[in-house]
Amino acid sequence: MELISFALLGILIVISPGADFILVVRNTLTKGKEHGLATAAGVSLAICIHIAYSLLGISYLISQNTWLFYLIKYLGAGYLIYVGIKGL
C-alpha cells in the first residue's frame, strides 16, 4: 500500500506546474511548437532518468557515499555556472 501511495504522490508532483512547465511554455511561445516539444521531451527524459536511478538504488548509494554526493553536487553547480555564463 505504501508503494501505491508513493507512486501516486510522485505522479502528482511530476504533473504539477512548476519551473519545467514555465520553460516549456516560454520556449513554445517564443521559438515555436518544435522547440516546445523538444523542451517537453527533454524534461520527460530527465524525469525518467531520475526515476530509473531511484529504482536501481543508485540514489541510496549516492546518499551513503559522501564524496560521490559532493562530486555530483559540484559538477551540477559548475554546469549551472556554465549555463549562466552562456546566457549572458
N, C-alpha and C. Protein backbone atom coordinates (compact mmCIF):
# COMPACT_ATOMS: atom_id res chain seq x y z
N MET A 1 0.82 -1.20 0.00
CA MET A 1 0.00 0.00 0.00
C MET A 1 0.86 1.26 0.00
N GLU A 2 2.00 1.21 0.70
CA GLU A 2 2.88 2.38 0.74
C GLU A 2 3.44 2.69 -0.65
N LEU A 3 3.74 1.66 -1.43
CA LEU A 3 4.28 1.88 -2.76
C LEU A 3 3.27 2.57 -3.66
N ILE A 4 2.01 2.19 -3.56
CA ILE A 4 0.97 2.83 -4.36
C ILE A 4 0.81 4.29 -3.95
N SER A 5 0.81 4.55 -2.66
CA SER A 5 0.70 5.94 -2.18
C SER A 5 1.89 6.76 -2.65
N PHE A 6 3.07 6.18 -2.58
CA PHE A 6 4.28 6.88 -3.03
C PHE A 6 4.22 7.16 -4.53
N ALA A 7 3.76 6.18 -5.31
CA ALA A 7 3.66 6.37 -6.76
C ALA A 7 2.65 7.45 -7.10
N LEU A 8 1.51 7.45 -6.43
CA LEU A 8 0.50 8.48 -6.69
C LEU A 8 1.02 9.87 -6.32
N LEU A 9 1.70 9.96 -5.21
CA LEU A 9 2.28 11.24 -4.80
C LEU A 9 3.33 11.70 -5.81
N GLY A 10 4.14 10.78 -6.29
CA GLY A 10 5.14 11.11 -7.30
C GLY A 10 4.52 11.61 -8.58
N ILE A 11 3.43 10.99 -9.00
CA ILE A 11 2.73 11.43 -10.21
C ILE A 11 2.19 12.84 -10.02
N LEU A 12 1.61 13.12 -8.86
CA LEU A 12 1.10 14.46 -8.59
C LEU A 12 2.21 15.51 -8.61
N ILE A 13 3.35 15.14 -8.08
CA ILE A 13 4.48 16.08 -8.07
C ILE A 13 4.96 16.34 -9.49
N VAL A 14 5.03 15.31 -10.31
CA VAL A 14 5.53 15.46 -11.67
C VAL A 14 4.58 16.28 -12.54
N ILE A 15 3.27 16.10 -12.37
CA ILE A 15 2.32 16.80 -13.24
C ILE A 15 1.98 18.20 -12.76
N SER A 16 2.40 18.56 -11.56
CA SER A 16 2.09 19.91 -11.08
C SER A 16 2.94 20.94 -11.82
N PRO A 17 2.34 22.09 -12.16
CA PRO A 17 3.11 23.09 -12.89
C PRO A 17 4.22 23.69 -12.03
N GLY A 18 5.33 23.92 -12.65
CA GLY A 18 6.48 24.50 -11.95
C GLY A 18 7.43 25.11 -12.95
N ALA A 19 8.70 25.10 -12.62
CA ALA A 19 9.70 25.71 -13.48
C ALA A 19 9.78 25.01 -14.84
N ASP A 20 9.62 23.69 -14.85
CA ASP A 20 9.64 22.96 -16.12
C ASP A 20 8.50 23.40 -17.03
N PHE A 21 7.34 23.56 -16.45
CA PHE A 21 6.16 23.98 -17.21
C PHE A 21 6.39 25.37 -17.81
N ILE A 22 6.93 26.27 -17.00
CA ILE A 22 7.19 27.63 -17.48
C ILE A 22 8.21 27.61 -18.62
N LEU A 23 9.23 26.78 -18.50
CA LEU A 23 10.24 26.67 -19.55
C LEU A 23 9.63 26.16 -20.85
N VAL A 24 8.80 25.14 -20.76
CA VAL A 24 8.15 24.59 -21.95
C VAL A 24 7.25 25.63 -22.60
N VAL A 25 6.45 26.32 -21.80
CA VAL A 25 5.55 27.34 -22.34
C VAL A 25 6.35 28.48 -22.98
N ARG A 26 7.40 28.93 -22.31
CA ARG A 26 8.21 30.02 -22.86
C ARG A 26 8.85 29.64 -24.19
N ASN A 27 9.44 28.44 -24.24
CA ASN A 27 10.07 28.02 -25.49
C ASN A 27 9.06 27.82 -26.60
N THR A 28 7.87 27.36 -26.26
CA THR A 28 6.83 27.18 -27.26
C THR A 28 6.37 28.53 -27.80
N LEU A 29 6.16 29.49 -26.92
CA LEU A 29 5.66 30.79 -27.35
C LEU A 29 6.70 31.61 -28.10
N THR A 30 7.96 31.50 -27.71
CA THR A 30 8.99 32.34 -28.33
C THR A 30 9.66 31.68 -29.54
N LYS A 31 9.75 30.35 -29.54
CA LYS A 31 10.51 29.69 -30.60
C LYS A 31 9.69 28.73 -31.46
N GLY A 32 8.45 28.50 -31.08
CA GLY A 32 7.60 27.65 -31.90
C GLY A 32 7.35 26.28 -31.30
N LYS A 33 6.45 25.57 -31.98
CA LYS A 33 5.99 24.27 -31.49
C LYS A 33 7.11 23.24 -31.42
N GLU A 34 8.00 23.23 -32.41
CA GLU A 34 9.08 22.23 -32.43
C GLU A 34 9.99 22.36 -31.22
N HIS A 35 10.36 23.59 -30.89
CA HIS A 35 11.22 23.82 -29.72
C HIS A 35 10.48 23.48 -28.43
N GLY A 36 9.19 23.77 -28.38
CA GLY A 36 8.40 23.43 -27.21
C GLY A 36 8.32 21.93 -27.00
N LEU A 37 8.12 21.20 -28.10
CA LEU A 37 8.08 19.73 -28.00
C LEU A 37 9.44 19.16 -27.60
N ALA A 38 10.50 19.75 -28.14
CA ALA A 38 11.85 19.29 -27.77
C ALA A 38 12.12 19.55 -26.28
N THR A 39 11.67 20.69 -25.79
CA THR A 39 11.85 21.01 -24.37
C THR A 39 11.05 20.04 -23.51
N ALA A 40 9.81 19.77 -23.90
CA ALA A 40 8.98 18.82 -23.15
C ALA A 40 9.60 17.43 -23.16
N ALA A 41 10.17 17.03 -24.30
CA ALA A 41 10.83 15.72 -24.37
C ALA A 41 12.05 15.68 -23.46
N GLY A 42 12.80 16.78 -23.40
CA GLY A 42 13.96 16.84 -22.52
C GLY A 42 13.58 16.75 -21.05
N VAL A 43 12.52 17.45 -20.68
CA VAL A 43 12.03 17.41 -19.30
C VAL A 43 11.58 15.99 -18.96
N SER A 44 10.85 15.37 -19.88
CA SER A 44 10.37 14.00 -19.65
C SER A 44 11.53 13.02 -19.52
N LEU A 45 12.54 13.18 -20.35
CA LEU A 45 13.72 12.31 -20.27
C LEU A 45 14.43 12.48 -18.93
N ALA A 46 14.55 13.71 -18.46
CA ALA A 46 15.19 13.96 -17.17
C ALA A 46 14.42 13.29 -16.03
N ILE A 47 13.10 13.37 -16.09
CA ILE A 47 12.27 12.72 -15.06
C ILE A 47 12.46 11.21 -15.11
N CYS A 48 12.51 10.65 -16.32
CA CYS A 48 12.71 9.20 -16.46
C CYS A 48 14.07 8.77 -15.92
N ILE A 49 15.09 9.59 -16.14
CA ILE A 49 16.42 9.28 -15.61
C ILE A 49 16.40 9.28 -14.08
N HIS A 50 15.73 10.26 -13.48
CA HIS A 50 15.63 10.30 -12.02
C HIS A 50 14.88 9.08 -11.49
N ILE A 51 13.82 8.70 -12.15
CA ILE A 51 13.06 7.52 -11.73
C ILE A 51 13.92 6.27 -11.84
N ALA A 52 14.66 6.15 -12.95
CA ALA A 52 15.48 4.96 -13.18
C ALA A 52 16.56 4.81 -12.11
N TYR A 53 17.28 5.89 -11.81
CA TYR A 53 18.34 5.71 -10.81
C TYR A 53 17.78 5.54 -9.41
N SER A 54 16.59 6.04 -9.17
CA SER A 54 15.96 5.79 -7.86
C SER A 54 15.54 4.33 -7.74
N LEU A 55 14.96 3.80 -8.80
CA LEU A 55 14.53 2.40 -8.77
C LEU A 55 15.72 1.44 -8.69
N LEU A 56 16.82 1.80 -9.31
CA LEU A 56 18.00 0.95 -9.29
C LEU A 56 18.79 1.04 -7.98
N GLY A 57 18.41 1.95 -7.11
CA GLY A 57 19.09 2.09 -5.83
C GLY A 57 20.31 2.97 -5.88
N ILE A 58 20.55 3.61 -7.01
CA ILE A 58 21.72 4.47 -7.13
C ILE A 58 21.59 5.69 -6.21
N SER A 59 20.36 6.17 -6.03
CA SER A 59 20.17 7.31 -5.13
C SER A 59 20.58 6.95 -3.70
N TYR A 60 20.34 5.70 -3.29
CA TYR A 60 20.77 5.27 -1.96
C TYR A 60 22.30 5.26 -1.87
N LEU A 61 22.95 4.75 -2.91
CA LEU A 61 24.41 4.73 -2.91
C LEU A 61 24.99 6.13 -2.85
N ILE A 62 24.38 7.05 -3.59
CA ILE A 62 24.86 8.44 -3.58
C ILE A 62 24.68 9.06 -2.20
N SER A 63 23.55 8.79 -1.56
CA SER A 63 23.30 9.38 -0.24
C SER A 63 24.22 8.80 0.83
N GLN A 64 24.70 7.58 0.63
CA GLN A 64 25.57 6.95 1.62
C GLN A 64 27.05 7.23 1.37
N ASN A 65 27.39 7.70 0.19
CA ASN A 65 28.78 7.95 -0.18
C ASN A 65 29.00 9.45 -0.26
N THR A 66 29.63 10.02 0.75
CA THR A 66 29.76 11.47 0.87
C THR A 66 30.53 12.08 -0.29
N TRP A 67 31.66 11.50 -0.67
CA TRP A 67 32.46 12.11 -1.73
C TRP A 67 31.73 12.07 -3.06
N LEU A 68 30.97 11.01 -3.32
CA LEU A 68 30.20 10.92 -4.56
C LEU A 68 29.09 11.96 -4.58
N PHE A 69 28.45 12.15 -3.44
CA PHE A 69 27.41 13.17 -3.33
C PHE A 69 27.97 14.55 -3.62
N TYR A 70 29.11 14.88 -3.01
CA TYR A 70 29.71 16.20 -3.23
C TYR A 70 30.23 16.35 -4.66
N LEU A 71 30.74 15.28 -5.24
CA LEU A 71 31.19 15.33 -6.63
C LEU A 71 30.03 15.70 -7.56
N ILE A 72 28.91 15.02 -7.40
CA ILE A 72 27.73 15.31 -8.22
C ILE A 72 27.22 16.73 -7.94
N LYS A 73 27.24 17.11 -6.69
CA LYS A 73 26.78 18.44 -6.30
C LYS A 73 27.63 19.53 -6.97
N TYR A 74 28.95 19.40 -6.93
CA TYR A 74 29.82 20.42 -7.51
C TYR A 74 29.82 20.38 -9.04
N LEU A 75 29.67 19.20 -9.62
CA LEU A 75 29.53 19.13 -11.07
C LEU A 75 28.25 19.85 -11.52
N GLY A 76 27.17 19.65 -10.77
CA GLY A 76 25.92 20.35 -11.08
C GLY A 76 26.05 21.85 -10.93
N ALA A 77 26.74 22.29 -9.88
CA ALA A 77 26.95 23.73 -9.69
C ALA A 77 27.79 24.30 -10.81
N GLY A 78 28.82 23.57 -11.21
CA GLY A 78 29.65 24.02 -12.32
C GLY A 78 28.86 24.13 -13.62
N TYR A 79 27.98 23.17 -13.84
CA TYR A 79 27.15 23.22 -15.04
C TYR A 79 26.21 24.42 -15.01
N LEU A 80 25.63 24.70 -13.86
CA LEU A 80 24.74 25.86 -13.75
C LEU A 80 25.50 27.16 -13.99
N ILE A 81 26.72 27.25 -13.50
CA ILE A 81 27.55 28.43 -13.76
C ILE A 81 27.83 28.55 -15.26
N TYR A 82 28.16 27.43 -15.89
CA TYR A 82 28.42 27.42 -17.33
C TYR A 82 27.19 27.89 -18.11
N VAL A 83 26.02 27.37 -17.77
CA VAL A 83 24.79 27.76 -18.46
C VAL A 83 24.51 29.24 -18.22
N GLY A 84 24.75 29.72 -17.00
CA GLY A 84 24.54 31.13 -16.70
C GLY A 84 25.45 32.04 -17.51
N ILE A 85 26.70 31.65 -17.64
CA ILE A 85 27.65 32.46 -18.42
C ILE A 85 27.26 32.45 -19.89
N LYS A 86 26.86 31.29 -20.41
CA LYS A 86 26.44 31.21 -21.82
C LYS A 86 25.19 32.04 -22.08
N GLY A 87 24.38 32.24 -21.05
CA GLY A 87 23.15 33.00 -21.21
C GLY A 87 23.35 34.51 -21.20
N LEU A 88 24.55 34.95 -20.84
CA LEU A 88 24.82 36.40 -20.78
C LEU A 88 24.98 37.01 -22.14
